[in-house]
C-alpha atoms as a PDB file:
ATOM      1  CA  MET A   1       4.584  16.544 -18.644  1.00  0.00           C
ATOM      2  CA  ALA A   2       5.955  13.464 -16.904  1.00  0.00           C
ATOM      3  CA  GLU A   3       5.783  15.253 -13.568  1.00  0.00           C
ATOM      4  CA  GLU A   4       2.083  16.006 -14.102  1.00  0.00           C
ATOM      5  CA  ALA A   5       1.392  12.363 -14.963  1.00  0.00           C
ATOM      6  CA  SER A   6       3.371  11.298 -11.923  1.00  0.00           C
ATOM      7  CA  ALA A   7       1.416  13.602  -9.602  1.00  0.00           C
ATOM      8  CA  TYR A   8      -1.867  12.416 -11.122  1.00  0.00           C
ATOM      9  CA  GLU A   9      -0.929   8.746 -10.646  1.00  0.00           C
ATOM     10  CA  LEU A  10       0.228   9.350  -7.083  1.00  0.00           C
ATOM     11  CA  GLU A  11      -3.092  10.991  -6.303  1.00  0.00           C
ATOM     12  CA  GLY A  12      -4.845   7.957  -7.804  1.00  0.00           C
ATOM     13  CA  LEU A  13      -2.738   5.653  -5.640  1.00  0.00           C
ATOM     14  CA  GLU A  14      -3.587   7.618  -2.522  1.00  0.00           C
ATOM     15  CA  ASN A  15      -7.287   7.484  -3.373  1.00  0.00           C
ATOM     16  CA  GLN A  16      -7.204   3.744  -3.950  1.00  0.00           C
ATOM     17  CA  LEU A  17      -5.227   3.096  -0.753  1.00  0.00           C
ATOM     18  CA  GLU A  18      -7.698   5.258   1.174  1.00  0.00           C
ATOM     19  CA  ASN A  19     -10.578   3.267  -0.317  1.00  0.00           C
ATOM     20  CA  LEU A  20      -8.884  -0.007   0.538  1.00  0.00           C
ATOM     21  CA  LEU A  21      -8.315   1.130   4.098  1.00  0.00           C
ATOM     22  CA  SER A  22     -11.897   2.327   4.446  1.00  0.00           C
ATOM     23  CA  CYS A  23     -13.226  -1.020   3.148  1.00  0.00           C
ATOM     24  CA  TYR A  24     -11.824  -2.588   6.266  1.00  0.00           C
ATOM     25  CA  SER A  25     -13.050  -1.382   9.609  1.00  0.00           C
ATOM     26  CA  SER A  26     -10.680  -1.845  12.515  1.00  0.00           C
ATOM     27  CA  ASP A  27     -12.524  -5.072  13.384  1.00  0.00           C
ATOM     28  CA  ALA A  28     -12.272  -6.380   9.826  1.00  0.00           C
ATOM     29  CA  LEU A  29      -8.523  -5.709   9.770  1.00  0.00           C
ATOM     30  CA  ARG A  30      -8.088  -7.711  12.968  1.00  0.00           C
ATOM     31  CA  VAL A  31      -9.968 -10.634  11.461  1.00  0.00           C
ATOM     32  CA  ASP A  32      -8.787 -10.504   7.859  1.00  0.00           C
ATOM     33  CA  SER A  33      -5.494  -8.659   7.685  1.00  0.00           C
ATOM     34  CA  LYS A  34      -4.192 -11.325   5.287  1.00  0.00           C
ATOM     35  CA  LEU A  35      -6.715 -10.287   2.622  1.00  0.00           C
ATOM     36  CA  PHE A  36      -5.923  -6.614   3.206  1.00  0.00           C
ATOM     37  CA  CYS A  37      -2.180  -7.278   2.823  1.00  0.00           C
ATOM     38  CA  SER A  38      -2.749  -9.204  -0.385  1.00  0.00           C
ATOM     39  CA  GLU A  39      -4.865  -6.454  -1.948  1.00  0.00           C
ATOM     40  CA  PHE A  40      -2.461  -3.807  -0.673  1.00  0.00           C
ATOM     41  CA  CYS A  41       0.549  -5.501  -2.310  1.00  0.00           C
ATOM     42  CA  LYS A  42      -1.240  -5.929  -5.631  1.00  0.00           C
ATOM     43  CA  LEU A  43      -2.194  -2.273  -5.686  1.00  0.00           C
ATOM     44  CA  VAL A  44       1.289  -0.994  -4.823  1.00  0.00           C
ATOM     45  CA  GLU A  45       2.972  -3.355  -7.300  1.00  0.00           C
ATOM     46  CA  GLU A  46       0.593  -2.218 -10.039  1.00  0.00           C
ATOM     47  CA  TYR A  47       1.472   1.437  -9.519  1.00  0.00           C
ATOM     48  CA  ALA A  48       5.205   0.850  -9.058  1.00  0.00           C
ATOM     49  CA  SER A  49       5.400  -1.223 -12.251  1.00  0.00           C
ATOM     50  CA  HIS A  50       4.427   1.804 -14.348  1.00  0.00           C
ATOM     51  CA  TRP A  51       7.736   3.484 -13.581  1.00  0.00           C
ATOM     52  CA  GLN A  52      11.259   2.401 -14.468  1.00  0.00           C
ATOM     53  CA  VAL A  53      12.945   5.346 -12.754  1.00  0.00           C
ATOM     54  CA  PRO A  54      13.614   5.434  -9.008  1.00  0.00           C
ATOM     55  CA  LEU A  55      12.063   8.731  -7.895  1.00  0.00           C
ATOM     56  CA  PRO A  56       8.385   7.965  -8.651  1.00  0.00           C
ATOM     57  CA  GLN A  57       8.851   4.418  -7.322  1.00  0.00           C
ATOM     58  CA  LEU A  58      10.267   5.759  -4.065  1.00  0.00           C
ATOM     59  CA  ARG A  59       7.368   8.196  -3.730  1.00  0.00           C
ATOM     60  CA  ILE A  60       4.926   5.317  -4.317  1.00  0.00           C
ATOM     61  CA  LEU A  61       6.602   3.294  -1.568  1.00  0.00           C
ATOM     62  CA  GLU A  62       6.578   6.282   0.770  1.00  0.00           C
ATOM     63  CA  ILE A  63       2.833   6.752   0.273  1.00  0.00           C
ATOM     64  CA  ALA A  64       2.223   3.019   0.625  1.00  0.00           C
ATOM     65  CA  LEU A  65       4.132   2.836   3.907  1.00  0.00           C
ATOM     66  CA  VAL A  66       2.076   5.687   5.369  1.00  0.00           C
ATOM     67  CA  TYR A  67      -1.167   3.846   4.638  1.00  0.00           C
ATOM     68  CA  PHE A  68       0.224   0.488   5.711  1.00  0.00           C
ATOM     69  CA  THR A  69       1.314   1.993   9.020  1.00  0.00           C
ATOM     70  CA  GLN A  70      -2.202   3.314   9.590  1.00  0.00           C
ATOM     71  CA  ALA A  71      -3.675  -0.127   8.909  1.00  0.00           C
ATOM     72  CA  SER A  72      -1.068  -2.042  10.900  1.00  0.00           C
ATOM     73  CA  SER A  73      -2.224  -0.521  14.168  1.00  0.00           C
ATOM     74  CA  PHE A  74      -5.264  -2.811  13.842  1.00  0.00           C
ATOM     75  CA  PHE A  75      -3.371  -6.015  13.009  1.00  0.00           C
ATOM     76  CA  THR A  76      -2.954  -8.798  15.530  1.00  0.00           C
ATOM     77  CA  SER A  77       0.571  -9.180  16.845  1.00  0.00           C
ATOM     78  CA  ASN A  78       1.401 -12.506  15.119  1.00  0.00           C
ATOM     79  CA  CYS A  79       0.910 -11.823  11.424  1.00  0.00           C
ATOM     80  CA  ASP A  80       3.422 -13.570   9.184  1.00  0.00           C
ATOM     81  CA  HIS A  81       1.754 -12.056   6.131  1.00  0.00           C
ATOM     82  CA  VAL A  82       2.441  -8.567   7.507  1.00  0.00           C
ATOM     83  CA  VAL A  83       6.157  -9.351   7.670  1.00  0.00           C
ATOM     84  CA  HIS A  84       5.942 -10.752   4.142  1.00  0.00           C
ATOM     85  CA  THR A  85       4.200  -7.584   2.935  1.00  0.00           C
ATOM     86  CA  LEU A  86       6.897  -5.362   4.418  1.00  0.00           C
ATOM     87  CA  SER A  87       9.593  -7.561   2.879  1.00  0.00           C
ATOM     88  CA  SER A  88       7.885  -7.279  -0.501  1.00  0.00           C
ATOM     89  CA  LEU A  89       7.842  -3.499  -0.229  1.00  0.00           C
ATOM     90  CA  ALA A  90      11.527  -3.483   0.630  1.00  0.00           C
ATOM     91  CA  LEU A  91      12.370  -5.359  -2.551  1.00  0.00           C
END
């Protein structure tokens, strides 16, 4: 039962990350990557906080990193908030 809930939540996370990414065109990410990073962190923290065991949390971080990597190709090179976002994910 817990595995089904976990799979359902992970699918929800993927959908929300996809929506977040699609809200920002490549041009919008270049201009406002700080807002994207803020919303991204809130979303990932919300999903990770539902679990107190490592395996679902690691899967959440794996999914999050895939989407963050896709978005980061549009970021400008000097983004302190991007480094902060990656540090937050590492914690």
